[in-house]
Structures are given as C-alpha cells and as structure tokens.
Amino acid sequence: MRPKGSKTPVRHLRRSPPAALLLAALGLAACGAPAQASQTTGAPPPDVAGTVHVCSSCHGPGGHSISSTFPRLAGQQKVYLIAQLTAFRDHARADPHAQTYMWGMAARLSDPMIAGLAAYYSAQAPVPGAPDDTPAAAAGRKIYTAGIPAKRVPACIACHGVKGQGNGPIPRLAGQHGAYVERQLDAFASKARANEIMHQTSKNLTSEQIRDVAAYVASL
C-alpha cells in the first residue's frame, strides 16, 4: 500500500452494460485462446460447460487468463472459489472490479453451479510462475517468507504456503498476475475489499513493498 498522504483513492466504478462487457471480453478471448488452449485439463462437465464458455471470455480457456485485469482461476483452491463466487452473487464482495465485472456475471448462479465451476477450475493445471531474478522479486521473497516484524506485517508463507499454493479458503497466489495481486493488496489496505485479516496485513506496506510481494508470488 502507498504511504499515507500519497495513496491514490480507490474509485468505485460503474457497472458496465452486460452486452458491452461481453463484447469486450470476447475480444480478449479471441486474442488469447490459441496460446492458452493447450494448458487446459479436459473438457468441462456438461452441466457447467456453457457457463465455463462464458467465463473463458475473460478468464481464458481453463482459467488461464492472459490479462491481469482478470485473475487466473486454474488450480485455485475450490473452497476459495466457492466463497468468492457466492460473495459476488450476493454482493458481499464489493470492491470496484467485483461490482464492475462479477456482480452481473454471477447474479444467476445457483449453489450447485457455483460448486461445479469451482470443482472444474480447481482441477485445472495452474499456470507456472515466470522466473524472476530482479531485486523486486528478491525483496518480495523476504517479505513473503519472513514478514516485516518492525511494521507488524506477518509472513505471507504462514497462510499461503511455501509455494504459494494456498489452502481451502486461503487462495493460491503462485503464478497469479503480479498486477492483479498488487491491485488486491491495495484494495485490502484501503478496505475497498473487505477482509480484516488482509487489511491488517497489508495496511502497513508501502506501494513499493506491495509491488515486491506481487512480483515474487507471480514467480512461484
């Protein structure tokens, strides 16, 4: 997060018209599908295939998103996916991107459909991290593994795991888009995304430290 006094306010975005959003998303899919298709693990079950096709417009085939606007879902924790999709549907998750993209998309999802989508995406082969030997990633590794005791920032490894794999309701971070992780940490810090544990974890990080952590987890 950015130092107090220089933090850019999080602006709440208006929800895009569904038709315009879908057309924009399909444009992304058309550019990214060929490069990502080989990473998928089997076809989705018939009961969720149609919805997976819609999700692929933004999140890519098999959840292998190529745009940092949309998180990679492949290999994500099933319990976490269920919790987030339910929160989108019920408007319990209200950060700007949730409102803009996911409130409308998740509005008609039933509990069985949410469970089926979570099962499908959690079973996909995750995108491997991109090796990163930059000073930023090295600094991020230190924060991830040891925290910053002087600022009461706990080590991320305690919850998200040695390899960033997550566990149950705790999300997988490994191989996620660095820019997406950075945006979520900013949202937690400002309370635009509600999660008290993550707010307490991120609120004392500078914008540079947030970028460092994001760079490191993207490399896992």
Protein backbone atom coordinates (compact mmCIF):
# COMPACT_ATOMS: atom_id res chain seq x y z
CA MET A 1 0.00 0.00 0.00
CA ARG A 2 1.07 3.54 -0.53
CA PRO A 3 2.36 5.80 2.25
CA LYS A 4 -0.33 7.81 3.98
CA GLY A 5 -0.78 11.13 2.22
CA SER A 6 0.22 9.79 -1.20
CA LYS A 7 -2.27 6.97 -1.51
CA THR A 8 -4.42 7.19 -4.58
CA PRO A 9 -8.08 6.84 -3.61
CA VAL A 10 -9.87 3.79 -4.89
CA ARG A 11 -12.66 4.94 -7.14
CA HIS A 12 -15.84 2.93 -7.36
CA LEU A 13 -16.51 2.11 -10.96
CA ARG A 14 -19.91 1.98 -12.56
CA ARG A 15 -21.09 -1.40 -13.74
CA SER A 16 -20.61 -1.83 -17.45
CA PRO A 17 -23.62 -2.73 -19.60
CA PRO A 18 -23.67 -6.55 -19.93
CA ALA A 19 -23.68 -6.51 -23.73
CA ALA A 20 -20.71 -4.17 -23.94
CA LEU A 21 -18.80 -6.17 -21.35
CA LEU A 22 -19.39 -9.44 -23.16
CA LEU A 23 -18.27 -7.99 -26.50
CA ALA A 24 -15.09 -6.62 -24.91
CA ALA A 25 -14.44 -9.92 -23.18
CA LEU A 26 -14.90 -11.90 -26.37
CA GLY A 27 -12.32 -9.67 -27.99
CA LEU A 28 -9.83 -10.66 -25.29
CA ALA A 29 -10.66 -14.32 -25.75
CA ALA A 30 -10.14 -14.16 -29.49
CA CYS A 31 -6.62 -12.84 -28.96
CA GLY A 32 -5.62 -15.22 -26.20
CA ALA A 33 -7.35 -18.55 -26.79
CA PRO A 34 -4.86 -20.25 -29.17
CA ALA A 35 -1.87 -19.70 -26.89
CA GLN A 36 -3.67 -20.95 -23.79
CA ALA A 37 -5.78 -23.84 -25.06
CA SER A 38 -3.02 -26.44 -24.66
CA GLN A 39 -2.88 -25.79 -20.91
CA THR A 40 -6.43 -26.91 -20.17
CA THR A 41 -7.06 -30.21 -18.40
CA GLY A 42 -10.02 -31.86 -20.11
CA ALA A 43 -13.39 -30.51 -21.15
CA PRO A 44 -15.78 -29.14 -18.51
CA PRO A 45 -18.69 -31.35 -17.43
CA PRO A 46 -21.89 -30.80 -19.43
CA ASP A 47 -23.72 -29.16 -16.51
CA VAL A 48 -21.22 -26.28 -16.36
CA ALA A 49 -19.86 -26.27 -19.92
CA GLY A 50 -21.99 -23.35 -21.10
CA THR A 51 -21.09 -21.19 -18.11
CA VAL A 52 -17.40 -22.11 -18.40
CA HIS A 53 -17.54 -20.94 -22.01
CA VAL A 54 -18.79 -17.53 -20.84
CA CYS A 55 -16.17 -17.38 -18.06
CA SER A 56 -13.46 -18.15 -20.61
CA SER A 57 -14.18 -14.87 -22.36
CA CYS A 58 -12.33 -13.06 -19.56
CA HIS A 59 -10.52 -15.73 -17.55
CA GLY A 60 -9.23 -17.67 -20.56
CA PRO A 61 -9.66 -21.33 -21.53
CA GLY A 62 -9.29 -23.49 -18.44
CA GLY A 63 -8.85 -20.38 -16.29
CA HIS A 64 -5.50 -19.47 -17.87
CA SER A 65 -6.11 -15.73 -18.10
CA ILE A 66 -3.67 -13.66 -20.15
CA SER A 67 -4.91 -10.28 -18.90
CA SER A 68 -4.04 -9.03 -15.42
CA THR A 69 -7.49 -7.45 -15.24
CA PHE A 70 -8.86 -10.96 -14.72
CA PRO A 71 -7.28 -13.42 -12.25
CA ARG A 72 -6.07 -16.86 -13.24
CA LEU A 73 -8.50 -19.45 -11.88
CA ALA A 74 -6.68 -22.62 -12.91
CA GLY A 75 -5.55 -24.59 -9.86
CA GLN A 76 -7.19 -22.14 -7.46
CA GLN A 77 -8.48 -23.55 -4.18
CA LYS A 78 -12.01 -24.95 -4.59
CA VAL A 79 -13.27 -23.64 -1.25
CA TYR A 80 -11.93 -20.19 -2.04
CA LEU A 81 -13.62 -20.15 -5.44
CA ILE A 82 -16.95 -21.15 -3.92
CA ALA A 83 -16.66 -18.39 -1.32
CA GLN A 84 -15.81 -15.71 -3.90
CA LEU A 85 -18.48 -16.68 -6.44
CA THR A 86 -21.06 -16.74 -3.67
CA ALA A 87 -19.89 -13.32 -2.46
CA PHE A 88 -20.13 -11.91 -6.00
CA ARG A 89 -23.64 -13.28 -6.43
CA ASP A 90 -24.79 -11.99 -3.05
CA HIS A 91 -22.97 -8.63 -3.43
CA ALA A 92 -20.99 -9.38 -0.28
CA ARG A 93 -17.74 -8.65 -2.12
CA ALA A 94 -17.95 -5.04 -3.20
CA ASP A 95 -14.54 -3.90 -4.42
CA PRO A 96 -14.70 -1.89 -7.66
CA HIS A 97 -13.76 -4.72 -10.03
CA ALA A 98 -16.22 -7.06 -8.32
CA GLN A 99 -19.02 -4.60 -8.94
CA THR A 100 -17.95 -3.82 -12.49
CA TYR A 101 -17.41 -7.35 -13.76
CA MET A 102 -18.66 -10.03 -11.41
CA TRP A 103 -21.90 -8.87 -9.78
CA GLY A 104 -23.77 -9.16 -13.06
CA MET A 105 -21.97 -12.29 -14.24
CA ALA A 106 -22.64 -14.19 -11.01
CA ALA A 107 -26.18 -12.94 -10.39
CA ARG A 108 -27.93 -16.06 -11.69
CA LEU A 109 -25.52 -18.71 -10.43
CA SER A 110 -27.11 -21.38 -8.23
CA ASP A 111 -25.21 -23.06 -5.41
CA PRO A 112 -24.80 -26.29 -7.46
CA MET A 113 -23.49 -24.29 -10.43
CA ILE A 114 -21.01 -22.45 -8.20
CA ALA A 115 -19.80 -25.76 -6.76
CA GLY A 116 -19.43 -27.21 -10.27
CA LEU A 117 -17.46 -24.23 -11.54
CA ALA A 118 -15.19 -24.31 -8.50
CA ALA A 119 -14.57 -28.04 -8.97
CA TYR A 120 -13.72 -27.56 -12.64
CA TYR A 121 -11.32 -24.65 -12.23
CA SER A 122 -9.59 -26.06 -9.15
CA ALA A 123 -8.81 -29.22 -11.15
CA GLN A 124 -7.09 -27.36 -13.98
CA ALA A 125 -3.31 -27.30 -14.26
CA PRO A 126 -2.15 -23.95 -12.84
CA VAL A 127 -0.05 -21.53 -14.84
CA PRO A 128 3.58 -21.90 -13.74
CA GLY A 129 5.28 -18.83 -12.36
CA ALA A 130 7.66 -16.88 -14.56
CA PRO A 131 11.22 -16.94 -13.16
CA ASP A 132 12.15 -13.53 -11.78
CA ASP A 133 15.63 -12.70 -10.50
CA THR A 134 15.02 -8.97 -10.15
CA PRO A 135 15.74 -7.08 -6.90
CA ALA A 136 11.97 -6.51 -6.55
CA ALA A 137 11.21 -10.23 -6.51
CA ALA A 138 14.07 -10.84 -4.07
CA ALA A 139 12.70 -8.18 -1.73
CA GLY A 140 9.23 -9.68 -2.11
CA ARG A 141 10.53 -13.11 -1.20
CA LYS A 142 11.90 -11.73 2.05
CA ILE A 143 8.56 -10.19 2.97
CA TYR A 144 6.67 -13.31 1.89
CA THR A 145 8.81 -15.67 3.96
CA ALA A 146 9.71 -13.51 6.97
CA GLY A 147 7.27 -10.60 7.05
CA ILE A 148 8.33 -7.22 8.42
CA PRO A 149 8.23 -7.58 12.23
CA ALA A 150 9.03 -3.91 12.85
CA LYS A 151 5.87 -2.93 10.95
CA ARG A 152 3.76 -5.81 12.28
CA VAL A 153 3.50 -7.34 8.84
CA PRO A 154 3.26 -11.13 9.17
CA ALA A 155 4.92 -13.57 6.80
CA CYS A 156 2.61 -14.49 3.90
CA ILE A 157 4.02 -18.00 3.91
CA ALA A 158 2.21 -18.81 7.17
CA CYS A 159 -1.17 -18.85 5.42
CA HIS A 160 -0.49 -19.08 1.70
CA GLY A 161 2.13 -21.83 1.92
CA VAL A 162 5.75 -22.31 0.95
CA LYS A 163 4.93 -22.47 -2.74
CA GLY A 164 2.04 -20.01 -2.64
CA GLN A 165 -0.42 -22.84 -3.16
CA GLY A 166 -2.98 -21.68 -0.60
CA ASN A 167 -5.25 -23.94 1.41
CA GLY A 168 -9.04 -24.22 1.46
CA PRO A 169 -10.43 -20.69 1.93
CA ILE A 170 -6.94 -19.20 1.54
CA PRO A 171 -6.24 -18.54 -2.14
CA ARG A 172 -3.46 -19.81 -4.33
CA LEU A 173 -1.11 -16.93 -5.21
CA ALA A 174 1.55 -18.81 -7.15
CA GLY A 175 1.66 -17.88 -10.81
CA GLN A 176 -1.04 -15.21 -10.44
CA HIS A 177 -0.70 -11.98 -12.42
CA GLY A 178 1.52 -9.68 -10.39
CA ALA A 179 -0.58 -6.64 -11.28
CA TYR A 180 -3.72 -8.43 -10.09
CA VAL A 181 -2.12 -9.32 -6.74
CA GLU A 182 -0.92 -5.74 -6.36
CA ARG A 183 -4.42 -4.42 -7.01
CA GLN A 184 -5.96 -6.77 -4.44
CA LEU A 185 -3.44 -5.79 -1.75
CA ASP A 186 -4.23 -2.14 -2.42
CA ALA A 187 -7.94 -2.93 -2.12
CA PHE A 188 -7.44 -4.76 1.17
CA ALA A 189 -5.31 -1.91 2.51
CA SER A 190 -7.95 0.70 1.71
CA LYS A 191 -10.82 -1.58 2.80
CA ALA A 192 -12.30 -1.39 -0.71
CA ARG A 193 -12.23 -5.18 -0.43
CA ALA A 194 -13.42 -6.29 2.98
CA ASN A 195 -11.19 -8.74 4.83
CA GLU A 196 -9.94 -7.66 8.24
CA ILE A 197 -7.03 -10.11 8.36
CA MET A 198 -5.75 -8.95 4.98
CA HIS A 199 -6.37 -5.31 5.88
CA GLN A 200 -4.19 -5.65 8.96
CA THR A 201 -1.57 -7.49 6.88
CA SER A 202 -1.39 -5.00 4.03
CA LYS A 203 -2.12 -1.61 5.60
CA ASN A 204 1.49 -1.04 6.71
CA LEU A 205 3.08 -1.97 3.40
CA THR A 206 4.32 0.75 1.10
CA SER A 207 3.34 0.72 -2.56
CA GLU A 208 6.86 -0.49 -3.39
CA GLN A 209 6.64 -3.36 -0.91
CA ILE A 210 3.27 -4.38 -2.35
CA ARG A 211 4.81 -4.47 -5.83
CA ASP A 212 7.71 -6.55 -4.49
CA VAL A 213 5.42 -9.16 -2.93
CA ALA A 214 3.32 -9.27 -6.10
CA ALA A 215 6.43 -9.81 -8.22
CA TYR A 216 7.58 -12.66 -6.02
CA VAL A 217 4.32 -14.62 -5.94
CA ALA A 218 3.99 -14.26 -9.71
CA SER A 219 7.30 -16.10 -9.98
CA LEU A 220 6.32 -19.09 -7.84
